[in-house]
Structure formats: structure tokens, C-alpha cells
N, C-alpha and C. Protein backbone atom coordinates (compact mmCIF):
# COMPACT_ATOMS: atom_id res chain seq x y z
N UNK A 1 98.83 99.24 93.80
CA UNK A 1 98.94 100.45 92.98
C UNK A 1 98.04 101.53 93.55
N UNK A 2 98.64 102.65 93.89
CA UNK A 2 97.84 103.76 94.42
C UNK A 2 97.15 104.48 93.27
N UNK A 3 95.92 104.96 93.48
CA UNK A 3 95.24 105.70 92.42
C UNK A 3 96.00 106.97 92.06
N UNK A 4 95.92 107.35 90.80
CA UNK A 4 96.51 108.62 90.39
C UNK A 4 95.77 109.77 91.07
N UNK A 5 96.54 110.79 91.46
CA UNK A 5 95.94 111.96 92.08
C UNK A 5 95.87 113.09 91.05
N UNK A 6 94.68 113.69 90.91
CA UNK A 6 94.48 114.77 89.97
C UNK A 6 94.07 116.03 90.71
N UNK A 7 94.78 117.12 90.45
CA UNK A 7 94.49 118.39 91.09
C UNK A 7 93.59 119.23 90.17
N UNK A 8 92.46 119.68 90.71
CA UNK A 8 91.50 120.49 89.96
C UNK A 8 91.69 121.95 90.35
N UNK A 9 92.03 122.78 89.36
CA UNK A 9 92.18 124.21 89.61
C UNK A 9 91.04 124.89 88.86
N UNK A 10 89.91 125.00 89.52
CA UNK A 10 88.65 125.49 88.94
C UNK A 10 87.88 126.22 90.03
N UNK A 11 87.50 127.48 89.76
CA UNK A 11 86.86 128.27 90.81
C UNK A 11 85.34 128.17 90.84
N UNK A 12 84.72 127.60 89.81
CA UNK A 12 83.28 127.42 89.81
C UNK A 12 82.95 126.20 90.67
N UNK A 13 82.27 126.39 91.82
CA UNK A 13 82.04 125.27 92.73
C UNK A 13 81.21 124.14 92.12
N UNK A 14 80.31 124.45 91.20
CA UNK A 14 79.49 123.41 90.57
C UNK A 14 80.35 122.54 89.67
N UNK A 15 81.13 123.18 88.81
CA UNK A 15 82.00 122.42 87.91
C UNK A 15 83.08 121.68 88.69
N UNK A 16 83.59 122.33 89.73
CA UNK A 16 84.57 121.69 90.60
C UNK A 16 84.00 120.39 91.18
N UNK A 17 82.78 120.46 91.68
CA UNK A 17 82.14 119.28 92.26
C UNK A 17 81.88 118.20 91.22
N UNK A 18 81.47 118.62 90.01
CA UNK A 18 81.22 117.65 88.93
C UNK A 18 82.50 116.91 88.56
N UNK A 19 83.59 117.64 88.48
CA UNK A 19 84.87 117.01 88.14
C UNK A 19 85.34 116.06 89.24
N UNK A 20 85.17 116.45 90.48
CA UNK A 20 85.55 115.58 91.59
C UNK A 20 84.77 114.27 91.54
N UNK A 21 83.46 114.36 91.32
CA UNK A 21 82.61 113.18 91.26
C UNK A 21 83.01 112.29 90.08
N UNK A 22 83.23 112.90 88.93
CA UNK A 22 83.62 112.15 87.74
C UNK A 22 84.93 111.41 87.95
N UNK A 23 85.91 112.09 88.49
CA UNK A 23 87.23 111.48 88.67
C UNK A 23 87.21 110.37 89.71
N UNK A 24 86.56 110.61 90.84
CA UNK A 24 86.50 109.60 91.88
C UNK A 24 85.71 108.38 91.43
N UNK A 25 84.68 108.62 90.61
CA UNK A 25 83.90 107.52 90.08
C UNK A 25 84.66 106.67 89.09
N UNK A 26 85.78 107.18 88.61
CA UNK A 26 86.59 106.44 87.66
C UNK A 26 87.95 106.03 88.23
N UNK A 27 88.01 105.97 89.55
CA UNK A 27 89.18 105.40 90.20
C UNK A 27 90.32 106.34 90.51
N UNK A 28 90.13 107.64 90.30
CA UNK A 28 91.19 108.59 90.60
C UNK A 28 90.98 109.23 91.98
N UNK A 29 92.05 109.75 92.54
CA UNK A 29 91.95 110.60 93.71
C UNK A 29 91.85 112.04 93.22
N UNK A 30 90.81 112.74 93.63
CA UNK A 30 90.59 114.11 93.16
C UNK A 30 90.70 115.09 94.31
N UNK A 31 91.50 116.12 94.11
CA UNK A 31 91.62 117.20 95.10
C UNK A 31 91.46 118.53 94.36
N UNK A 32 90.87 119.50 95.03
CA UNK A 32 90.61 120.80 94.41
C UNK A 32 91.28 121.92 95.19
N UNK A 33 91.71 122.94 94.46
CA UNK A 33 92.25 124.14 95.10
C UNK A 33 91.10 124.90 95.73
N UNK A 34 91.25 125.24 96.99
CA UNK A 34 90.22 126.01 97.69
C UNK A 34 90.64 127.47 97.90
N UNK A 35 91.92 127.69 98.09
CA UNK A 35 92.44 129.03 98.31
C UNK A 35 93.26 129.43 97.09
N UNK A 36 92.69 130.33 96.26
CA UNK A 36 93.34 130.66 94.99
C UNK A 36 94.48 131.67 95.15
N UNK A 37 94.76 132.07 96.37
CA UNK A 37 95.94 132.88 96.61
C UNK A 37 97.14 132.01 96.95
N UNK A 38 96.89 130.68 97.06
CA UNK A 38 97.97 129.74 97.41
C UNK A 38 97.94 128.51 96.51
N UNK A 39 97.73 128.74 95.22
CA UNK A 39 97.66 127.62 94.27
C UNK A 39 98.97 126.84 94.24
N UNK A 40 100.08 127.54 94.18
CA UNK A 40 101.38 126.86 94.11
C UNK A 40 101.66 126.06 95.38
N UNK A 41 101.25 126.60 96.52
CA UNK A 41 101.44 125.86 97.77
C UNK A 41 100.64 124.56 97.75
N UNK A 42 99.40 124.63 97.25
CA UNK A 42 98.57 123.44 97.17
C UNK A 42 99.19 122.42 96.22
N UNK A 43 99.70 122.91 95.10
CA UNK A 43 100.34 122.02 94.12
C UNK A 43 101.52 121.28 94.76
N UNK A 44 102.36 122.00 95.47
CA UNK A 44 103.53 121.37 96.09
C UNK A 44 103.13 120.41 97.20
N UNK A 45 102.09 120.77 97.96
CA UNK A 45 101.67 119.93 99.08
C UNK A 45 101.02 118.63 98.58
N UNK A 46 100.15 118.74 97.59
CA UNK A 46 99.39 117.58 97.11
C UNK A 46 100.21 116.65 96.22
N UNK A 47 101.20 117.19 95.51
CA UNK A 47 102.03 116.40 94.59
C UNK A 47 101.16 115.54 93.66
N UNK A 48 100.32 116.17 92.84
CA UNK A 48 99.42 115.42 91.96
C UNK A 48 100.17 114.79 90.78
N UNK A 49 99.48 113.85 90.10
CA UNK A 49 100.04 113.25 88.90
C UNK A 49 99.61 114.01 87.65
N UNK A 50 98.55 114.80 87.75
CA UNK A 50 98.02 115.54 86.60
C UNK A 50 97.21 116.72 87.13
N UNK A 51 97.13 117.79 86.31
CA UNK A 51 96.39 118.99 86.71
C UNK A 51 95.32 119.30 85.67
N UNK A 52 94.10 119.58 86.15
CA UNK A 52 93.04 120.14 85.31
C UNK A 52 92.97 121.63 85.64
N UNK A 53 93.13 122.48 84.64
CA UNK A 53 93.35 123.90 84.88
C UNK A 53 92.42 124.78 84.05
N UNK A 54 91.70 125.66 84.73
CA UNK A 54 90.88 126.66 84.05
C UNK A 54 91.77 127.87 83.71
N UNK A 55 91.31 128.71 82.79
CA UNK A 55 92.08 129.90 82.44
C UNK A 55 91.67 131.10 83.29
N UNK A 56 90.36 131.36 83.38
CA UNK A 56 89.87 132.50 84.15
C UNK A 56 89.72 132.11 85.62
N UNK A 57 90.63 132.63 86.44
CA UNK A 57 90.66 132.29 87.86
C UNK A 57 90.87 133.55 88.69
N UNK A 58 90.51 133.51 89.98
CA UNK A 58 90.79 134.66 90.85
C UNK A 58 92.30 134.85 91.01
N UNK A 59 92.69 136.06 91.26
CA UNK A 59 94.08 136.42 91.56
C UNK A 59 95.01 136.37 90.35
N UNK A 60 95.11 135.22 89.68
CA UNK A 60 95.98 135.13 88.51
C UNK A 60 95.39 134.12 87.52
N UNK A 61 95.77 134.26 86.26
CA UNK A 61 95.18 133.42 85.23
C UNK A 61 95.76 132.01 85.23
N UNK A 62 95.04 131.12 84.57
CA UNK A 62 95.54 129.76 84.42
C UNK A 62 96.82 129.72 83.61
N UNK A 63 96.98 130.66 82.68
CA UNK A 63 98.22 130.71 81.91
C UNK A 63 99.41 130.97 82.82
N UNK A 64 99.24 131.90 83.76
CA UNK A 64 100.31 132.21 84.69
C UNK A 64 100.64 131.01 85.58
N UNK A 65 99.60 130.33 86.04
CA UNK A 65 99.81 129.15 86.88
C UNK A 65 100.51 128.05 86.10
N UNK A 66 100.12 127.87 84.85
CA UNK A 66 100.76 126.86 84.00
C UNK A 66 102.25 127.15 83.87
N UNK A 67 102.60 128.41 83.62
CA UNK A 67 104.00 128.80 83.47
C UNK A 67 104.79 128.50 84.74
N UNK A 68 104.19 128.77 85.90
CA UNK A 68 104.87 128.52 87.16
C UNK A 68 105.08 127.02 87.39
N UNK A 69 104.07 126.22 87.06
CA UNK A 69 104.21 124.78 87.22
C UNK A 69 105.30 124.26 86.28
N UNK A 70 105.28 124.75 85.04
CA UNK A 70 106.25 124.29 84.05
C UNK A 70 107.68 124.70 84.37
N UNK A 71 107.86 125.68 85.23
CA UNK A 71 109.22 126.11 85.56
C UNK A 71 109.99 125.04 86.32
N UNK A 72 109.25 124.10 86.94
CA UNK A 72 109.97 123.06 87.69
C UNK A 72 109.29 121.69 87.65
N UNK A 73 108.34 121.49 86.71
CA UNK A 73 107.65 120.20 86.66
C UNK A 73 107.16 119.89 85.24
N UNK A 74 107.23 118.62 84.86
CA UNK A 74 106.73 118.17 83.56
C UNK A 74 105.38 117.46 83.70
N UNK A 75 104.71 117.64 84.82
CA UNK A 75 103.43 117.00 85.07
C UNK A 75 102.43 117.31 83.94
N UNK A 76 101.60 116.36 83.52
CA UNK A 76 100.60 116.64 82.49
C UNK A 76 99.61 117.72 82.96
N UNK A 77 99.32 118.67 82.08
CA UNK A 77 98.38 119.74 82.37
C UNK A 77 97.32 119.78 81.28
N UNK A 78 96.06 119.69 81.67
CA UNK A 78 94.95 119.78 80.73
C UNK A 78 94.17 121.05 81.04
N UNK A 79 94.08 121.96 80.07
CA UNK A 79 93.24 123.13 80.23
C UNK A 79 91.78 122.72 79.98
N UNK A 80 90.91 122.99 80.94
CA UNK A 80 89.47 122.75 80.80
C UNK A 80 88.82 124.10 81.02
N UNK A 81 88.35 124.73 79.95
CA UNK A 81 87.99 126.14 80.06
C UNK A 81 86.87 126.54 79.10
N UNK A 82 86.21 127.63 79.42
CA UNK A 82 85.18 128.19 78.53
C UNK A 82 85.81 129.16 77.53
N UNK A 83 87.09 129.47 77.69
CA UNK A 83 87.81 130.32 76.74
C UNK A 83 88.13 129.46 75.51
N UNK A 84 87.50 129.78 74.39
CA UNK A 84 87.59 128.86 73.26
C UNK A 84 88.11 129.47 71.97
N UNK A 85 88.88 130.54 72.07
CA UNK A 85 89.43 131.13 70.85
C UNK A 85 90.72 130.39 70.44
N UNK A 86 91.11 130.57 69.18
CA UNK A 86 92.35 129.95 68.70
C UNK A 86 93.55 130.47 69.47
N UNK A 87 93.51 131.75 69.85
CA UNK A 87 94.62 132.33 70.60
C UNK A 87 94.73 131.72 71.99
N UNK A 88 93.59 131.44 72.62
CA UNK A 88 93.62 130.79 73.93
C UNK A 88 94.29 129.42 73.82
N UNK A 89 93.89 128.68 72.80
CA UNK A 89 94.47 127.34 72.63
C UNK A 89 95.96 127.42 72.30
N UNK A 90 96.32 128.37 71.45
CA UNK A 90 97.73 128.55 71.10
C UNK A 90 98.56 128.91 72.33
N UNK A 91 98.04 129.83 73.15
CA UNK A 91 98.76 130.22 74.37
C UNK A 91 98.95 129.02 75.30
N UNK A 92 97.91 128.19 75.40
CA UNK A 92 98.01 127.02 76.29
C UNK A 92 99.12 126.08 75.82
N UNK A 93 99.25 125.93 74.50
CA UNK A 93 100.30 125.07 73.95
C UNK A 93 101.67 125.68 74.16
N UNK A 94 101.79 126.97 73.87
CA UNK A 94 103.08 127.66 73.99
C UNK A 94 103.59 127.66 75.42
N UNK A 95 102.67 127.67 76.39
CA UNK A 95 103.07 127.72 77.80
C UNK A 95 103.29 126.33 78.40
N UNK A 96 103.05 125.28 77.61
CA UNK A 96 103.35 123.93 78.09
C UNK A 96 102.16 123.07 78.42
N UNK A 97 100.95 123.51 78.07
CA UNK A 97 99.79 122.66 78.31
C UNK A 97 99.81 121.45 77.40
N UNK A 98 99.31 120.32 77.87
CA UNK A 98 99.32 119.09 77.09
C UNK A 98 98.03 118.87 76.32
N UNK A 99 96.93 119.49 76.75
CA UNK A 99 95.65 119.32 76.07
C UNK A 99 94.78 120.53 76.37
N UNK A 100 93.83 120.79 75.48
CA UNK A 100 92.95 121.95 75.61
C UNK A 100 91.53 121.47 75.33
N UNK A 101 90.68 121.48 76.35
CA UNK A 101 89.31 121.00 76.24
C UNK A 101 88.37 122.12 76.65
N UNK A 102 87.39 122.42 75.80
CA UNK A 102 86.48 123.52 76.09
C UNK A 102 85.21 123.04 76.79
N UNK A 103 84.66 123.91 77.60
CA UNK A 103 83.40 123.64 78.28
C UNK A 103 82.24 124.04 77.36
N UNK A 104 81.13 123.31 77.41
CA UNK A 104 80.91 122.13 78.24
C UNK A 104 81.66 120.93 77.67
N UNK A 105 82.41 120.26 78.51
CA UNK A 105 83.26 119.16 78.07
C UNK A 105 82.46 117.86 77.98
N UNK A 106 82.91 116.99 77.11
CA UNK A 106 82.34 115.65 76.98
C UNK A 106 83.12 114.74 77.93
N UNK A 107 82.44 114.12 78.89
CA UNK A 107 83.14 113.36 79.94
C UNK A 107 84.00 112.24 79.36
N UNK A 108 83.51 111.55 78.34
CA UNK A 108 84.27 110.43 77.77
C UNK A 108 85.57 110.92 77.14
N UNK A 109 85.51 112.07 76.46
CA UNK A 109 86.72 112.64 75.84
C UNK A 109 87.70 113.09 76.91
N UNK A 110 87.20 113.75 77.94
CA UNK A 110 88.08 114.19 79.02
C UNK A 110 88.76 113.01 79.70
N UNK A 111 87.99 111.96 80.01
CA UNK A 111 88.56 110.78 80.67
C UNK A 111 89.58 110.09 79.77
N UNK A 112 89.30 110.02 78.48
CA UNK A 112 90.23 109.39 77.54
C UNK A 112 91.54 110.16 77.47
N UNK A 113 91.44 111.49 77.45
CA UNK A 113 92.64 112.31 77.41
C UNK A 113 93.45 112.18 78.69
N UNK A 114 92.77 112.15 79.84
CA UNK A 114 93.46 111.96 81.11
C UNK A 114 94.21 110.63 81.12
N UNK A 115 93.52 109.55 80.73
CA UNK A 115 94.12 108.22 80.73
C UNK A 115 95.33 108.17 79.80
N UNK A 116 95.20 108.79 78.63
CA UNK A 116 96.29 108.79 77.66
C UNK A 116 97.53 109.51 78.19
N UNK A 117 97.32 110.67 78.78
CA UNK A 117 98.44 111.45 79.29
C UNK A 117 99.10 110.77 80.49
N UNK A 118 98.30 110.16 81.35
CA UNK A 118 98.87 109.46 82.50
C UNK A 118 99.69 108.25 82.07
N UNK A 119 99.19 107.53 81.09
CA UNK A 119 99.91 106.35 80.60
C UNK A 119 101.24 106.75 79.99
N UNK A 120 101.24 107.87 79.28
CA UNK A 120 102.47 108.35 78.65
C UNK A 120 103.45 108.88 79.68
N UNK A 121 102.94 109.55 80.70
CA UNK A 121 103.81 110.20 81.69
C UNK A 121 104.34 109.25 82.75
N UNK A 122 103.57 108.17 83.05
CA UNK A 122 103.97 107.28 84.14
C UNK A 122 103.93 105.82 83.70
N UNK A 123 104.77 105.44 82.74
CA UNK A 123 104.74 104.05 82.25
C UNK A 123 105.12 103.03 83.31
N UNK A 124 105.96 103.42 84.26
CA UNK A 124 106.37 102.47 85.30
C UNK A 124 105.19 102.11 86.19
N UNK A 125 104.42 103.13 86.61
CA UNK A 125 103.28 102.85 87.47
C UNK A 125 102.25 101.99 86.75
N UNK A 126 102.10 102.18 85.43
CA UNK A 126 101.13 101.39 84.69
C UNK A 126 101.48 99.91 84.69
N UNK A 127 102.76 99.59 84.84
CA UNK A 127 103.17 98.19 84.77
C UNK A 127 103.14 97.50 86.13
N UNK A 128 102.75 98.21 87.16
CA UNK A 128 102.71 97.61 88.47
C UNK A 128 101.63 96.54 88.55
N UNK A 129 101.74 95.72 89.57
CA UNK A 129 100.78 94.65 89.76
C UNK A 129 100.15 94.73 91.14
N UNK A 130 99.01 94.07 91.29
CA UNK A 130 98.30 94.02 92.56
C UNK A 130 98.13 92.56 92.94
N UNK A 131 98.21 92.28 94.24
CA UNK A 131 98.10 90.90 94.70
C UNK A 131 97.04 90.76 95.78
N UNK A 132 96.40 89.59 95.80
CA UNK A 132 95.41 89.28 96.84
C UNK A 132 95.15 87.79 96.83
N UNK A 133 95.29 87.16 97.98
CA UNK A 133 94.98 85.74 98.11
C UNK A 133 95.73 84.85 97.15
N UNK A 134 96.97 85.19 96.83
CA UNK A 134 97.76 84.38 95.92
C UNK A 134 97.55 84.72 94.46
N UNK A 135 96.57 85.57 94.16
CA UNK A 135 96.31 85.99 92.78
C UNK A 135 97.08 87.27 92.49
N UNK A 136 97.59 87.39 91.27
CA UNK A 136 98.35 88.57 90.86
C UNK A 136 97.65 89.20 89.66
N UNK A 137 97.20 90.45 89.83
CA UNK A 137 96.54 91.18 88.76
C UNK A 137 97.58 92.05 88.08
N UNK A 138 97.81 91.80 86.79
CA UNK A 138 98.82 92.54 86.03
C UNK A 138 98.12 93.57 85.15
N UNK A 139 98.31 94.84 85.50
CA UNK A 139 97.57 95.91 84.84
C UNK A 139 98.03 96.14 83.41
N UNK A 140 99.31 96.04 83.17
CA UNK A 140 99.84 96.34 81.85
C UNK A 140 99.39 95.32 80.81
N UNK A 141 99.37 94.05 81.20
CA UNK A 141 99.02 92.99 80.25
C UNK A 141 97.56 92.57 80.33
N UNK A 142 96.78 93.20 81.21
CA UNK A 142 95.35 92.85 81.38
C UNK A 142 95.19 91.36 81.61
N UNK A 143 95.88 90.86 82.61
CA UNK A 143 95.82 89.43 82.90
C UNK A 143 95.87 89.19 84.40
N UNK A 144 95.50 87.97 84.79
CA UNK A 144 95.57 87.58 86.19
C UNK A 144 96.29 86.24 86.28
N UNK A 145 97.25 86.15 87.19
CA UNK A 145 98.04 84.94 87.39
C UNK A 145 97.67 84.28 88.70
N UNK A 146 97.64 82.93 88.67
CA UNK A 146 97.39 82.19 89.91
C UNK A 146 97.97 80.79 89.79
N UNK A 147 98.79 80.43 90.73
CA UNK A 147 99.35 79.08 90.82
C UNK A 147 100.00 78.66 89.50
N UNK A 148 100.78 79.56 88.92
CA UNK A 148 101.52 79.23 87.71
C UNK A 148 100.72 79.31 86.43
N UNK A 149 99.45 79.69 86.50
CA UNK A 149 98.62 79.81 85.31
C UNK A 149 98.17 81.26 85.15
N UNK A 150 97.77 81.59 83.93
CA UNK A 150 97.38 82.96 83.64
C UNK A 150 96.11 82.98 82.79
N UNK A 151 95.31 84.04 82.96
CA UNK A 151 94.10 84.22 82.17
C UNK A 151 94.03 85.66 81.70
N UNK A 152 93.65 85.85 80.44
CA UNK A 152 93.52 87.19 79.89
C UNK A 152 92.17 87.80 80.25
N UNK A 153 92.14 89.12 80.40
CA UNK A 153 90.94 89.82 80.82
C UNK A 153 90.54 90.88 79.79
N UNK A 154 89.23 91.10 79.66
CA UNK A 154 88.75 92.20 78.83
C UNK A 154 88.93 93.50 79.61
N UNK A 155 88.69 94.63 78.94
CA UNK A 155 88.84 95.92 79.61
C UNK A 155 87.94 96.03 80.83
N UNK A 156 86.66 95.64 80.68
CA UNK A 156 85.74 95.74 81.82
C UNK A 156 86.08 94.75 82.92
N UNK A 157 86.51 93.56 82.54
CA UNK A 157 86.91 92.58 83.56
C UNK A 157 88.11 93.08 84.35
N UNK A 158 89.05 93.72 83.66
CA UNK A 158 90.21 94.28 84.35
C UNK A 158 89.79 95.39 85.30
N UNK A 159 88.88 96.26 84.86
CA UNK A 159 88.43 97.37 85.71
C UNK A 159 87.70 96.86 86.95
N UNK A 160 86.88 95.82 86.77
CA UNK A 160 86.16 95.26 87.91
C UNK A 160 87.15 94.70 88.93
N UNK A 161 88.10 93.91 88.44
CA UNK A 161 89.07 93.30 89.36
C UNK A 161 89.97 94.35 89.99
N UNK A 162 90.32 95.39 89.22
CA UNK A 162 91.13 96.47 89.80
C UNK A 162 90.39 97.10 90.97
N UNK A 163 89.10 97.38 90.77
CA UNK A 163 88.30 98.01 91.83
C UNK A 163 88.20 97.09 93.05
N UNK A 164 88.01 95.78 92.81
CA UNK A 164 87.90 94.83 93.92
C UNK A 164 89.24 94.67 94.64
N UNK A 165 90.33 94.59 93.88
CA UNK A 165 91.65 94.47 94.49
C UNK A 165 91.96 95.72 95.32
N UNK A 166 91.62 96.88 94.77
CA UNK A 166 91.90 98.14 95.46
C UNK A 166 91.14 98.22 96.79
N UNK A 167 89.98 97.57 96.84
CA UNK A 167 89.16 97.58 98.05
C UNK A 167 89.08 96.20 98.69
N UNK A 168 90.15 95.43 98.58
CA UNK A 168 90.18 94.06 99.12
C UNK A 168 89.80 94.06 100.60
N UNK A 169 88.92 93.13 100.96
CA UNK A 169 88.47 93.02 102.34
C UNK A 169 87.27 93.88 102.65
N UNK A 170 86.83 94.68 101.69
CA UNK A 170 85.67 95.54 101.87
C UNK A 170 84.58 95.14 100.88
N UNK A 171 83.33 95.39 101.25
CA UNK A 171 82.22 95.13 100.35
C UNK A 171 82.12 96.30 99.36
N UNK A 172 82.13 95.97 98.07
CA UNK A 172 82.00 96.98 97.03
C UNK A 172 80.56 96.97 96.53
N UNK A 173 79.85 98.04 96.78
CA UNK A 173 78.44 98.12 96.39
C UNK A 173 78.30 98.02 94.87
N UNK A 174 77.21 97.37 94.44
CA UNK A 174 76.97 97.21 93.00
C UNK A 174 76.90 98.57 92.31
N UNK A 175 76.22 99.52 92.95
CA UNK A 175 76.09 100.84 92.35
C UNK A 175 77.44 101.52 92.14
N UNK A 176 78.36 101.34 93.10
CA UNK A 176 79.68 101.94 92.98
C UNK A 176 80.46 101.32 91.83
N UNK A 177 80.32 100.00 91.67
CA UNK A 177 81.00 99.31 90.58
C UNK A 177 80.46 99.75 89.22
N UNK A 178 79.13 99.87 89.15
CA UNK A 178 78.50 100.30 87.89
C UNK A 178 78.98 101.71 87.53
N UNK A 179 79.02 102.60 88.51
CA UNK A 179 79.46 103.97 88.26
C UNK A 179 80.92 104.01 87.83
N UNK A 180 81.76 103.17 88.47
CA UNK A 180 83.17 103.11 88.14
C UNK A 180 83.38 102.61 86.71
N UNK A 181 82.57 101.64 86.31
CA UNK A 181 82.72 101.03 84.99
C UNK A 181 82.17 101.90 83.87
N UNK A 182 80.99 102.46 84.09
CA UNK A 182 80.30 103.11 82.97
C UNK A 182 79.95 104.57 83.24
N UNK A 183 80.61 105.19 84.21
CA UNK A 183 80.38 106.61 84.50
C UNK A 183 78.91 106.90 84.75
N UNK A 184 78.24 105.92 85.38
CA UNK A 184 76.84 106.08 85.80
C UNK A 184 75.91 106.43 84.63
N UNK A 185 76.18 105.85 83.47
CA UNK A 185 75.32 106.09 82.31
C UNK A 185 73.96 105.44 82.54
N UNK A 186 72.90 106.20 82.32
CA UNK A 186 71.57 105.73 82.68
C UNK A 186 71.10 104.55 81.86
N UNK A 187 71.65 104.41 80.64
CA UNK A 187 71.16 103.33 79.79
C UNK A 187 71.80 101.99 80.10
N UNK A 188 72.76 101.95 80.98
CA UNK A 188 73.42 100.69 81.32
C UNK A 188 72.53 99.85 82.23
N UNK A 189 72.24 98.62 81.80
CA UNK A 189 71.44 97.70 82.59
C UNK A 189 72.29 97.16 83.73
N UNK A 190 71.76 97.21 84.93
CA UNK A 190 72.49 96.69 86.09
C UNK A 190 72.89 95.24 85.89
N UNK A 191 72.13 94.53 85.07
CA UNK A 191 72.43 93.12 84.82
C UNK A 191 73.77 92.95 84.11
N UNK A 192 74.23 94.00 83.42
CA UNK A 192 75.51 93.93 82.73
C UNK A 192 76.65 93.66 83.70
N UNK A 193 76.54 94.18 84.91
CA UNK A 193 77.57 93.93 85.92
C UNK A 193 77.58 92.45 86.30
N UNK A 194 76.39 91.87 86.50
CA UNK A 194 76.30 90.44 86.85
C UNK A 194 76.92 89.58 85.75
N UNK A 195 76.66 89.94 84.50
CA UNK A 195 77.21 89.18 83.38
C UNK A 195 78.73 89.22 83.41
N UNK A 196 79.29 90.40 83.65
CA UNK A 196 80.75 90.52 83.71
C UNK A 196 81.34 89.76 84.89
N UNK A 197 80.69 89.85 86.04
CA UNK A 197 81.17 89.12 87.23
C UNK A 197 81.17 87.62 86.96
N UNK A 198 80.10 87.11 86.34
CA UNK A 198 80.01 85.67 86.05
C UNK A 198 81.11 85.23 85.09
N UNK A 199 81.40 86.06 84.11
CA UNK A 199 82.47 85.72 83.16
C UNK A 199 83.83 85.68 83.84
N UNK A 200 84.05 86.63 84.75
CA UNK A 200 85.31 86.63 85.50
C UNK A 200 85.42 85.36 86.34
N UNK A 201 84.35 84.99 87.01
CA UNK A 201 84.37 83.79 87.85
C UNK A 201 84.67 82.55 87.03
N UNK A 202 84.10 82.47 85.83
CA UNK A 202 84.36 81.32 84.96
C UNK A 202 85.83 81.27 84.55
N UNK A 203 86.39 82.42 84.22
CA UNK A 203 87.79 82.46 83.84
C UNK A 203 88.71 82.07 85.00
N UNK A 204 88.39 82.60 86.18
CA UNK A 204 89.22 82.29 87.35
C UNK A 204 89.12 80.83 87.73
N UNK A 205 87.92 80.26 87.61
CA UNK A 205 87.75 78.84 87.92
C UNK A 205 88.58 77.97 86.98
N UNK A 206 88.76 78.46 85.74
CA UNK A 206 89.54 77.72 84.76
C UNK A 206 91.00 77.58 85.12
N UNK A 207 91.51 78.45 86.01
CA UNK A 207 92.90 78.33 86.46
C UNK A 207 92.96 77.92 87.94
N UNK A 208 91.84 77.38 88.42
CA UNK A 208 91.82 76.83 89.79
C UNK A 208 91.52 77.82 90.89
N UNK A 209 91.08 79.02 90.54
CA UNK A 209 90.78 80.03 91.55
C UNK A 209 89.27 80.14 91.70
N UNK A 210 88.72 79.39 92.65
CA UNK A 210 87.27 79.37 92.85
C UNK A 210 86.89 80.14 94.11
N UNK A 211 85.65 80.64 94.14
CA UNK A 211 85.14 81.39 95.29
C UNK A 211 86.00 82.60 95.64
N UNK A 212 86.65 83.17 94.62
CA UNK A 212 87.52 84.33 94.86
C UNK A 212 86.68 85.59 95.06
N UNK A 213 85.68 85.77 94.20
CA UNK A 213 84.77 86.91 94.32
C UNK A 213 83.53 86.46 95.06
N UNK A 214 83.30 87.03 96.21
CA UNK A 214 82.16 86.62 97.04
C UNK A 214 81.00 87.62 96.86
N UNK A 215 79.80 87.07 96.76
CA UNK A 215 78.60 87.91 96.66
C UNK A 215 78.04 88.16 98.05
N UNK A 216 77.83 89.40 98.38
CA UNK A 216 77.19 89.78 99.63
C UNK A 216 75.75 90.17 99.33
N UNK A 217 74.81 89.37 99.77
CA UNK A 217 73.41 89.51 99.40
C UNK A 217 72.89 90.94 99.62
N UNK A 218 72.35 91.51 98.56
CA UNK A 218 71.78 92.86 98.56
C UNK A 218 72.81 93.94 98.92
N UNK A 219 74.09 93.63 98.87
CA UNK A 219 75.11 94.63 99.20
C UNK A 219 76.10 94.83 98.05
N UNK A 220 76.67 93.74 97.57
CA UNK A 220 77.64 93.88 96.50
C UNK A 220 78.60 92.70 96.46
N UNK A 221 79.87 93.00 96.16
CA UNK A 221 80.86 91.94 96.03
C UNK A 221 82.11 92.31 96.82
N UNK A 222 82.92 91.30 97.13
CA UNK A 222 84.19 91.55 97.80
C UNK A 222 85.15 90.39 97.55
N UNK A 223 86.42 90.67 97.70
CA UNK A 223 87.44 89.62 97.63
C UNK A 223 88.22 89.65 98.94
């Protein structure tokens, strides 16, 4: 399963960078518009799964860009903007926006809205599966199959295995996994990752899949 690609149409370089970091840390591919005189060209070239769109932009407004996208695409569009009047929100809805989030945005709310819209817009991709070493990770049912047996996974266990499957054959640093799981929240104890990894190993051993997740001393984990 390829990561969803999200196009960021935001001219503030600081906010643009924050959004890129947030999205990549949560398993998405993030690309940003750099030339605001060619927004439509970038949209067509990148073929994103979702757009994050500001209203106040160089050359033309986010409302205008939304209208142009909607003329030939039903892609989810989330307005992320400092324009916070009722009329701004109404215009975003009338022009085809799917969500309206004001700055400063709450990262958890933004991520939840992105996930919800992607799940609704791309149900087929959500049901895809990933395979490695005879194991099949089923994203839709949050389960893993091996040798005719299946085990159910919690949300965090599924996210850990998704990240490992996506990077199969590579060492995944502990810090990267922690950031992917908890958006780098400072209060999260690093030991929480070890606890989750151990629980996954116990579940996999129960269906005969042992030594699947390998620990690389002082580096991280890999499959």
C-alpha cells in the first residue's frame, strides 16, 4: 500500500514546513506548492489524494483554487486558514470544501479529519493488504494472517506493523516509530514502544510467527 499523498497549498514557509513534518511523521507523503503562479500545474503533476488549502495566497485566493479543482475533481479539500469568519466558512462549503479548520490548528483534530476524509474517499485503498515473509497485514480488519491463522491487532499494534511493513528490509529507528505513533508528544515514555513491540511479538508467536521483528541494538527494529 502506497502512502496517501497530500498537497499543501500554503504560502507561509513556517506553517508549510510544520505541516510537511506532521504529515510525514504520520505516514503520509507530503508535497507543497512552491510556485503559486502554477498551482493547477502542480496539482495535475502531483496527483494528490487530498489537498490542504489556505485562503489568502499570492496571485489568487484559495477559494478560486478550490473552484478550479472542483471543476474536474472530487478530491477531498480541507481549508486550513486564519480566515475565521462565518462567511469564510460558508464560502468554503459552497465552493466544495470538505472541511474548514482555523489556525492555529490542533494537530490531533487535523489528522483525524484527514484520516476520516481519506477513508471515505478511498475505501478500496483502505482494504488493501501488505505482505512480508509469508505474513499478511490486513489494514481494513486490523489483523495479521500467517500460515492459515489470524491474530487481531490494536490500533497502535497495527500502526507499528504498517510502518515496519512499509520499510521492510530497513532498520526503523525507535525515534521515528515513536513520532509516527504519537506525533512526537513529549509526555510519551519511550518504554511504551517496547511494551507495544513485546505484545506484538507475543501475538505473532501465538500463530507460529517467531523472530519476525528483529531488534537492532541501539538502532531500532526491522522485519
